[in-house]
Amino acid sequence: MTTRQMAGAGGLINYSIFRDAGRTQNWGTTAGSDTVAGVGNGAAQNYTVYGRVPAQTTPAPALYTDTITVTVTY
C-alpha cells in the first residue's frame, strides 16, 4: 500500500487511494499490477478513486490538499 500525505496549515494527514470500494486494491504505479487499464475512444473516461485516512493524531482544522498525477501510457 502506498501512503500519501495531504498538507495544510495544521500539518500533514496520511491517506491511501484504492481502485475498489472495499479498499483492498491499492492504486499504485506498476502497470499490469496496481493500475487501471482501459481502451481509448476519443471521449473523456471517468474512474472512481476511493480513499482511506487511517487513525492518526488529529491535526488542526484547516484545508488539506495533495496533487495526484496520472500517467497515460499508449
PDB file of N, CA and C in Angstrom:
ATOM      1  N   MET A   1       0.840  -1.174   0.000  1.00  0.00           N
ATOM      2  CA  MET A   1       0.000   0.000   0.000  1.00  0.00           C
ATOM      3  C   MET A   1       0.889   1.243   0.000  1.00  0.00           C
ATOM      4  N   THR A   2       0.511   2.199  -0.810  1.00  0.00           N
ATOM      5  CA  THR A   2       1.247   3.448  -0.908  1.00  0.00           C
ATOM      6  C   THR A   2       0.589   4.485  -0.013  1.00  0.00           C
ATOM      7  N   THR A   3       1.328   5.011   0.949  1.00  0.00           N
ATOM      8  CA  THR A   3       0.795   6.049   1.819  1.00  0.00           C
ATOM      9  C   THR A   3       1.115   7.409   1.233  1.00  0.00           C
ATOM     10  N   ARG A   4       0.089   8.218   1.114  1.00  0.00           N
ATOM     11  CA  ARG A   4       0.239   9.574   0.589  1.00  0.00           C
ATOM     12  C   ARG A   4       0.046  10.542   1.741  1.00  0.00           C
ATOM     13  N   GLN A   5       0.299  11.828   1.500  1.00  0.00           N
ATOM     14  CA  GLN A   5       0.102  12.846   2.529  1.00  0.00           C
ATOM     15  C   GLN A   5      -0.570  14.081   1.940  1.00  0.00           C
ATOM     16  N   MET A   6      -1.582  14.563   2.652  1.00  0.00           N
ATOM     17  CA  MET A   6      -2.190  15.852   2.347  1.00  0.00           C
ATOM     18  C   MET A   6      -1.542  16.867   3.275  1.00  0.00           C
ATOM     19  N   ALA A   7      -1.197  18.021   2.749  1.00  0.00           N
ATOM     20  CA  ALA A   7      -0.550  19.064   3.548  1.00  0.00           C
ATOM     21  C   ALA A   7      -1.509  20.230   3.740  1.00  0.00           C
ATOM     22  N   GLY A   8      -1.419  20.832   4.897  1.00  0.00           N
ATOM     23  CA  GLY A   8      -2.230  22.003   5.200  1.00  0.00           C
ATOM     24  C   GLY A   8      -1.591  22.804   6.310  1.00  0.00           C
ATOM     25  N   ALA A   9      -2.254  23.882   6.682  1.00  0.00           N
ATOM     26  CA  ALA A   9      -1.725  24.760   7.730  1.00  0.00           C
ATOM     27  C   ALA A   9      -1.580  24.033   9.061  1.00  0.00           C
ATOM     28  N   GLY A  10      -2.355  22.975   9.255  1.00  0.00           N
ATOM     29  CA  GLY A  10      -2.299  22.234  10.512  1.00  0.00           C
ATOM     30  C   GLY A  10      -1.312  21.092  10.515  1.00  0.00           C
ATOM     31  N   GLY A  11      -0.597  20.886   9.405  1.00  0.00           N
ATOM     32  CA  GLY A  11       0.384  19.806   9.342  1.00  0.00           C
ATOM     33  C   GLY A  11       0.113  18.871   8.188  1.00  0.00           C
ATOM     34  N   LEU A  12       0.259  17.569   8.430  1.00  0.00           N
ATOM     35  CA  LEU A  12       0.093  16.552   7.399  1.00  0.00           C
ATOM     36  C   LEU A  12      -0.952  15.525   7.821  1.00  0.00           C
ATOM     37  N   ILE A  13      -1.687  15.014   6.839  1.00  0.00           N
ATOM     38  CA  ILE A  13      -2.633  13.926   7.076  1.00  0.00           C
ATOM     39  C   ILE A  13      -2.255  12.787   6.136  1.00  0.00           C
ATOM     40  N   ASN A  14      -2.002  11.601   6.682  1.00  0.00           N
ATOM     41  CA  ASN A  14      -1.688  10.424   5.875  1.00  0.00           C
ATOM     42  C   ASN A  14      -2.970   9.838   5.301  1.00  0.00           C
ATOM     43  N   TYR A  15      -2.894   9.320   4.073  1.00  0.00           N
ATOM     44  CA  TYR A  15      -4.032   8.632   3.460  1.00  0.00           C
ATOM     45  C   TYR A  15      -3.532   7.731   2.347  1.00  0.00           C
ATOM     46  N   SER A  16      -4.406   6.867   1.852  1.00  0.00           N
ATOM     47  CA  SER A  16      -4.082   5.981   0.736  1.00  0.00           C
ATOM     48  C   SER A  16      -5.233   6.013  -0.248  1.00  0.00           C
ATOM     49  N   ILE A  17      -4.953   5.686  -1.525  1.00  0.00           N
ATOM     50  CA  ILE A  17      -6.000   5.620  -2.532  1.00  0.00           C
ATOM     51  C   ILE A  17      -6.088   4.207  -3.088  1.00  0.00           C
ATOM     52  N   PHE A  18      -7.322   3.828  -3.475  1.00  0.00           N
ATOM     53  CA  PHE A  18      -7.603   2.460  -3.895  1.00  0.00           C
ATOM     54  C   PHE A  18      -8.478   2.447  -5.137  1.00  0.00           C
ATOM     55  N   ARG A  19      -8.482   1.303  -5.832  1.00  0.00           N
ATOM     56  CA  ARG A  19      -9.264   1.120  -7.051  1.00  0.00           C
ATOM     57  C   ARG A  19     -10.623   0.500  -6.796  1.00  0.00           C
ATOM     58  N   ASP A  20     -10.904   0.025  -5.592  1.00  0.00           N
ATOM     59  CA  ASP A  20     -12.173  -0.640  -5.316  1.00  0.00           C
ATOM     60  C   ASP A  20     -12.810  -0.094  -4.037  1.00  0.00           C
ATOM     61  N   ALA A  21     -14.135  -0.240  -3.955  1.00  0.00           N
ATOM     62  CA  ALA A  21     -14.886   0.279  -2.805  1.00  0.00           C
ATOM     63  C   ALA A  21     -14.505  -0.419  -1.500  1.00  0.00           C
ATOM     64  N   GLY A  22     -14.042  -1.669  -1.576  1.00  0.00           N
ATOM     65  CA  GLY A  22     -13.621  -2.391  -0.377  1.00  0.00           C
ATOM     66  C   GLY A  22     -12.254  -1.958   0.121  1.00  0.00           C
ATOM     67  N   ARG A  23     -11.589  -1.112  -0.652  1.00  0.00           N
ATOM     68  CA  ARG A  23     -10.269  -0.582  -0.325  1.00  0.00           C
ATOM     69  C   ARG A  23      -9.241  -1.689  -0.073  1.00  0.00           C
ATOM     70  N   THR A  24      -9.262  -2.673  -0.986  1.00  0.00           N
ATOM     71  CA  THR A  24      -8.286  -3.770  -0.908  1.00  0.00           C
ATOM     72  C   THR A  24      -7.310  -3.742  -2.073  1.00  0.00           C
ATOM     73  N   GLN A  25      -7.644  -2.996  -3.146  1.00  0.00           N
ATOM     74  CA  GLN A  25      -6.785  -2.932  -4.329  1.00  0.00           C
ATOM     75  C   GLN A  25      -6.111  -1.563  -4.393  1.00  0.00           C
ATOM     76  N   ASN A  26      -4.855  -1.546  -3.980  1.00  0.00           N
ATOM     77  CA  ASN A  26      -4.071  -0.315  -3.972  1.00  0.00           C
ATOM     78  C   ASN A  26      -4.031   0.313  -5.359  1.00  0.00           C
ATOM     79  N   TRP A  27      -4.024   1.625  -5.420  1.00  0.00           N
ATOM     80  CA  TRP A  27      -3.824   2.329  -6.687  1.00  0.00           C
ATOM     81  C   TRP A  27      -2.373   2.775  -6.686  1.00  0.00           C
ATOM     82  N   GLY A  28      -1.552   2.148  -7.508  1.00  0.00           N
ATOM     83  CA  GLY A  28      -0.122   2.411  -7.485  1.00  0.00           C
ATOM     84  C   GLY A  28       0.439   2.844  -8.823  1.00  0.00           C
ATOM     85  N   THR A  29       1.671   2.412  -9.104  1.00  0.00           N
ATOM     86  CA  THR A  29       2.388   2.870 -10.291  1.00  0.00           C
ATOM     87  C   THR A  29       2.967   1.736 -11.132  1.00  0.00           C
ATOM     88  N   THR A  30       2.637   0.490 -10.831  1.00  0.00           N
ATOM     89  CA  THR A  30       3.194  -0.643 -11.562  1.00  0.00           C
ATOM     90  C   THR A  30       2.188  -1.144 -12.590  1.00  0.00           C
ATOM     91  N   ALA A  31       2.413  -0.827 -13.873  1.00  0.00           N
ATOM     92  CA  ALA A  31       1.494  -1.226 -14.943  1.00  0.00           C
ATOM     93  C   ALA A  31       1.238  -2.722 -14.912  1.00  0.00           C
ATOM     94  N   GLY A  32      -0.030  -3.101 -15.051  1.00  0.00           N
ATOM     95  CA  GLY A  32      -0.406  -4.508 -15.045  1.00  0.00           C
ATOM     96  C   GLY A  32      -0.528  -5.099 -13.665  1.00  0.00           C
ATOM     97  N   SER A  33      -0.214  -4.328 -12.634  1.00  0.00           N
ATOM     98  CA  SER A  33      -0.255  -4.843 -11.269  1.00  0.00           C
ATOM     99  C   SER A  33      -1.224  -4.054 -10.395  1.00  0.00           C
ATOM    100  N   ASP A  34      -0.979  -2.772 -10.253  1.00  0.00           N
ATOM    101  CA  ASP A  34      -1.821  -1.957  -9.362  1.00  0.00           C
ATOM    102  C   ASP A  34      -2.282  -0.670 -10.042  1.00  0.00           C
ATOM    103  N   THR A  35      -2.534  -0.785 -11.352  1.00  0.00           N
ATOM    104  CA  THR A  35      -3.026   0.340 -12.144  1.00  0.00           C
ATOM    105  C   THR A  35      -4.348  -0.065 -12.796  1.00  0.00           C
ATOM    106  N   VAL A  36      -4.934   0.827 -13.585  1.00  0.00           N
ATOM    107  CA  VAL A  36      -6.188   0.537 -14.276  1.00  0.00           C
ATOM    108  C   VAL A  36      -5.933   0.586 -15.780  1.00  0.00           C
ATOM    109  N   ALA A  37      -6.391  -0.429 -16.490  1.00  0.00           N
ATOM    110  CA  ALA A  37      -6.251  -0.468 -17.945  1.00  0.00           C
ATOM    111  C   ALA A  37      -7.557  -0.012 -18.581  1.00  0.00           C
ATOM    112  N   GLY A  38      -7.457   0.552 -19.754  1.00  0.00           N
ATOM    113  CA  GLY A  38      -8.642   0.981 -20.476  1.00  0.00           C
ATOM    114  C   GLY A  38      -8.349   1.068 -21.956  1.00  0.00           C
ATOM    115  N   VAL A  39      -9.398   1.296 -22.743  1.00  0.00           N
ATOM    116  CA  VAL A  39      -9.256   1.448 -24.180  1.00  0.00           C
ATOM    117  C   VAL A  39      -9.780   2.818 -24.551  1.00  0.00           C
ATOM    118  N   GLY A  40      -8.937   3.615 -25.196  1.00  0.00           N
ATOM    119  CA  GLY A  40      -9.342   4.955 -25.587  1.00  0.00           C
ATOM    120  C   GLY A  40     -10.341   4.948 -26.727  1.00  0.00           C
ATOM    121  N   ASN A  41     -11.278   5.916 -26.669  1.00  0.00           N
ATOM    122  CA  ASN A  41     -12.261   6.037 -27.744  1.00  0.00           C
ATOM    123  C   ASN A  41     -12.447   7.501 -28.162  1.00  0.00           C
ATOM    124  N   GLY A  42     -11.569   8.373 -27.690  1.00  0.00           N
ATOM    125  CA  GLY A  42     -11.646   9.782 -28.035  1.00  0.00           C
ATOM    126  C   GLY A  42     -12.499  10.602 -27.091  1.00  0.00           C
ATOM    127  N   ALA A  43     -13.240   9.948 -26.227  1.00  0.00           N
ATOM    128  CA  ALA A  43     -14.104  10.655 -25.274  1.00  0.00           C
ATOM    129  C   ALA A  43     -13.486  10.613 -23.876  1.00  0.00           C
ATOM    130  N   ALA A  44     -13.935  11.510 -23.017  1.00  0.00           N
ATOM    131  CA  ALA A  44     -13.473  11.511 -21.621  1.00  0.00           C
ATOM    132  C   ALA A  44     -13.892  10.200 -20.952  1.00  0.00           C
ATOM    133  N   GLN A  45     -13.022   9.687 -20.100  1.00  0.00           N
ATOM    134  CA  GLN A  45     -13.322   8.473 -19.353  1.00  0.00           C
ATOM    135  C   GLN A  45     -13.140   8.768 -17.877  1.00  0.00           C
ATOM    136  N   ASN A  46     -14.130   8.407 -17.084  1.00  0.00           N
ATOM    137  CA  ASN A  46     -14.091   8.654 -15.641  1.00  0.00           C
ATOM    138  C   ASN A  46     -13.714   7.388 -14.894  1.00  0.00           C
ATOM    139  N   TYR A  47     -12.910   7.549 -13.862  1.00  0.00           N
ATOM    140  CA  TYR A  47     -12.532   6.448 -12.985  1.00  0.00           C
ATOM    141  C   TYR A  47     -12.759   6.893 -11.554  1.00  0.00           C
ATOM    142  N   THR A  48     -13.403   6.043 -10.780  1.00  0.00           N
ATOM    143  CA  THR A  48     -13.655   6.356  -9.376  1.00  0.00           C
ATOM    144  C   THR A  48     -12.421   5.985  -8.556  1.00  0.00           C
ATOM    145  N   VAL A  49     -12.029   6.871  -7.673  1.00  0.00           N
ATOM    146  CA  VAL A  49     -10.902   6.646  -6.771  1.00  0.00           C
ATOM    147  C   VAL A  49     -11.453   6.635  -5.351  1.00  0.00           C
ATOM    148  N   TYR A  50     -11.086   5.622  -4.572  1.00  0.00           N
ATOM    149  CA  TYR A  50     -11.541   5.504  -3.192  1.00  0.00           C
ATOM    150  C   TYR A  50     -10.377   5.823  -2.266  1.00  0.00           C
ATOM    151  N   GLY A  51     -10.649   6.467  -1.165  1.00  0.00           N
ATOM    152  CA  GLY A  51      -9.596   6.837  -0.235  1.00  0.00           C
ATOM    153  C   GLY A  51      -9.822   6.296   1.157  1.00  0.00           C
ATOM    154  N   ARG A  52      -8.761   6.252   1.935  1.00  0.00           N
ATOM    155  CA  ARG A  52      -8.853   5.857   3.342  1.00  0.00           C
ATOM    156  C   ARG A  52      -7.851   6.687   4.133  1.00  0.00           C
ATOM    157  N   VAL A  53      -8.339   7.284   5.212  1.00  0.00           N
ATOM    158  CA  VAL A  53      -7.487   8.021   6.142  1.00  0.00           C
ATOM    159  C   VAL A  53      -7.371   7.155   7.391  1.00  0.00           C
ATOM    160  N   PRO A  54      -6.181   6.606   7.678  1.00  0.00           N
ATOM    161  CA  PRO A  54      -6.035   5.738   8.856  1.00  0.00           C
ATOM    162  C   PRO A  54      -6.056   6.555  10.152  1.00  0.00           C
ATOM    163  N   ALA A  55      -6.274   5.858  11.246  1.00  0.00           N
ATOM    164  CA  ALA A  55      -6.224   6.511  12.555  1.00  0.00           C
ATOM    165  C   ALA A  55      -4.849   7.155  12.727  1.00  0.00           C
ATOM    166  N   GLN A  56      -4.848   8.392  13.203  1.00  0.00           N
ATOM    167  CA  GLN A  56      -3.601   9.133  13.397  1.00  0.00           C
ATOM    168  C   GLN A  56      -3.884  10.317  14.306  1.00  0.00           C
ATOM    169  N   THR A  57      -2.853  10.976  14.736  1.00  0.00           N
ATOM    170  CA  THR A  57      -3.021  12.165  15.560  1.00  0.00           C
ATOM    171  C   THR A  57      -3.834  13.182  14.776  1.00  0.00           C
ATOM    172  N   THR A  58      -4.884  13.684  15.385  1.00  0.00           N
ATOM    173  CA  THR A  58      -5.771  14.622  14.695  1.00  0.00           C
ATOM    174  C   THR A  58      -5.093  15.977  14.543  1.00  0.00           C
ATOM    175  N   PRO A  59      -4.913  16.435  13.302  1.00  0.00           N
ATOM    176  CA  PRO A  59      -4.321  17.752  13.081  1.00  0.00           C
ATOM    177  C   PRO A  59      -5.369  18.846  13.290  1.00  0.00           C
ATOM    178  N   ALA A  60      -4.913  20.057  13.313  1.00  0.00           N
ATOM    179  CA  ALA A  60      -5.814  21.202  13.478  1.00  0.00           C
ATOM    180  C   ALA A  60      -6.733  21.318  12.261  1.00  0.00           C
ATOM    181  N   PRO A  61      -7.965  21.808  12.467  1.00  0.00           N
ATOM    182  CA  PRO A  61      -8.856  22.036  11.330  1.00  0.00           C
ATOM    183  C   PRO A  61      -8.211  23.015  10.342  1.00  0.00           C
ATOM    184  N   ALA A  62      -8.238  22.678   9.079  1.00  0.00           N
ATOM    185  CA  ALA A  62      -7.655  23.520   8.027  1.00  0.00           C
ATOM    186  C   ALA A  62      -7.998  22.894   6.688  1.00  0.00           C
ATOM    187  N   LEU A  63      -7.617  23.532   5.623  1.00  0.00           N
ATOM    188  CA  LEU A  63      -7.749  22.974   4.285  1.00  0.00           C
ATOM    189  C   LEU A  63      -6.497  22.147   4.008  1.00  0.00           C
ATOM    190  N   TYR A  64      -6.684  20.881   3.652  1.00  0.00           N
ATOM    191  CA  TYR A  64      -5.577  19.980   3.350  1.00  0.00           C
ATOM    192  C   TYR A  64      -5.682  19.547   1.897  1.00  0.00           C
ATOM    193  N   THR A  65      -4.582  19.569   1.158  1.00  0.00           N
ATOM    194  CA  THR A  65      -4.602  19.209  -0.251  1.00  0.00           C
ATOM    195  C   THR A  65      -3.421  18.327  -0.625  1.00  0.00           C
ATOM    196  N   ASP A  66      -3.560  17.658  -1.738  1.00  0.00           N
ATOM    197  CA  ASP A  66      -2.484  16.869  -2.334  1.00  0.00           C
ATOM    198  C   ASP A  66      -2.750  16.858  -3.835  1.00  0.00           C
ATOM    199  N   THR A  67      -1.737  16.609  -4.614  1.00  0.00           N
ATOM    200  CA  THR A  67      -1.882  16.505  -6.059  1.00  0.00           C
ATOM    201  C   THR A  67      -1.570  15.081  -6.471  1.00  0.00           C
ATOM    202  N   ILE A  68      -2.471  14.488  -7.245  1.00  0.00           N
ATOM    203  CA  ILE A  68      -2.286  13.138  -7.771  1.00  0.00           C
ATOM    204  C   ILE A  68      -2.014  13.278  -9.260  1.00  0.00           C
ATOM    205  N   THR A  69      -0.911  12.726  -9.715  1.00  0.00           N
ATOM    206  CA  THR A  69      -0.541  12.794 -11.117  1.00  0.00           C
ATOM    207  C   THR A  69      -0.925  11.493 -11.817  1.00  0.00           C
ATOM    208  N   VAL A  70      -1.586  11.608 -12.947  1.00  0.00           N
ATOM    209  CA  VAL A  70      -1.999  10.451 -13.732  1.00  0.00           C
ATOM    210  C   VAL A  70      -1.128  10.371 -14.981  1.00  0.00           C
ATOM    211  N   THR A  71      -0.558   9.202 -15.233  1.00  0.00           N
ATOM    212  CA  THR A  71       0.244   8.994 -16.426  1.00  0.00           C
ATOM    213  C   THR A  71      -0.509   8.057 -17.366  1.00  0.00           C
ATOM    214  N   VAL A  72      -0.678   8.482 -18.600  1.00  0.00           N
ATOM    215  CA  VAL A  72      -1.351   7.667 -19.606  1.00  0.00           C
ATOM    216  C   VAL A  72      -0.287   7.092 -20.527  1.00  0.00           C
ATOM    217  N   THR A  73      -0.234   5.782 -20.632  1.00  0.00           N
ATOM    218  CA  THR A  73       0.743   5.104 -21.479  1.00  0.00           C
ATOM    219  C   THR A  73      -0.022   4.459 -22.637  1.00  0.00           C
ATOM    220  N   TYR A  74       0.471   4.697 -23.856  1.00  0.00           N
ATOM    221  CA  TYR A  74      -0.195   4.091 -25.007  1.00  0.00           C
ATOM    222  C   TYR A  74       0.830   3.598 -26.008  1.00  0.00           C
TER     223      TYR A  74
END
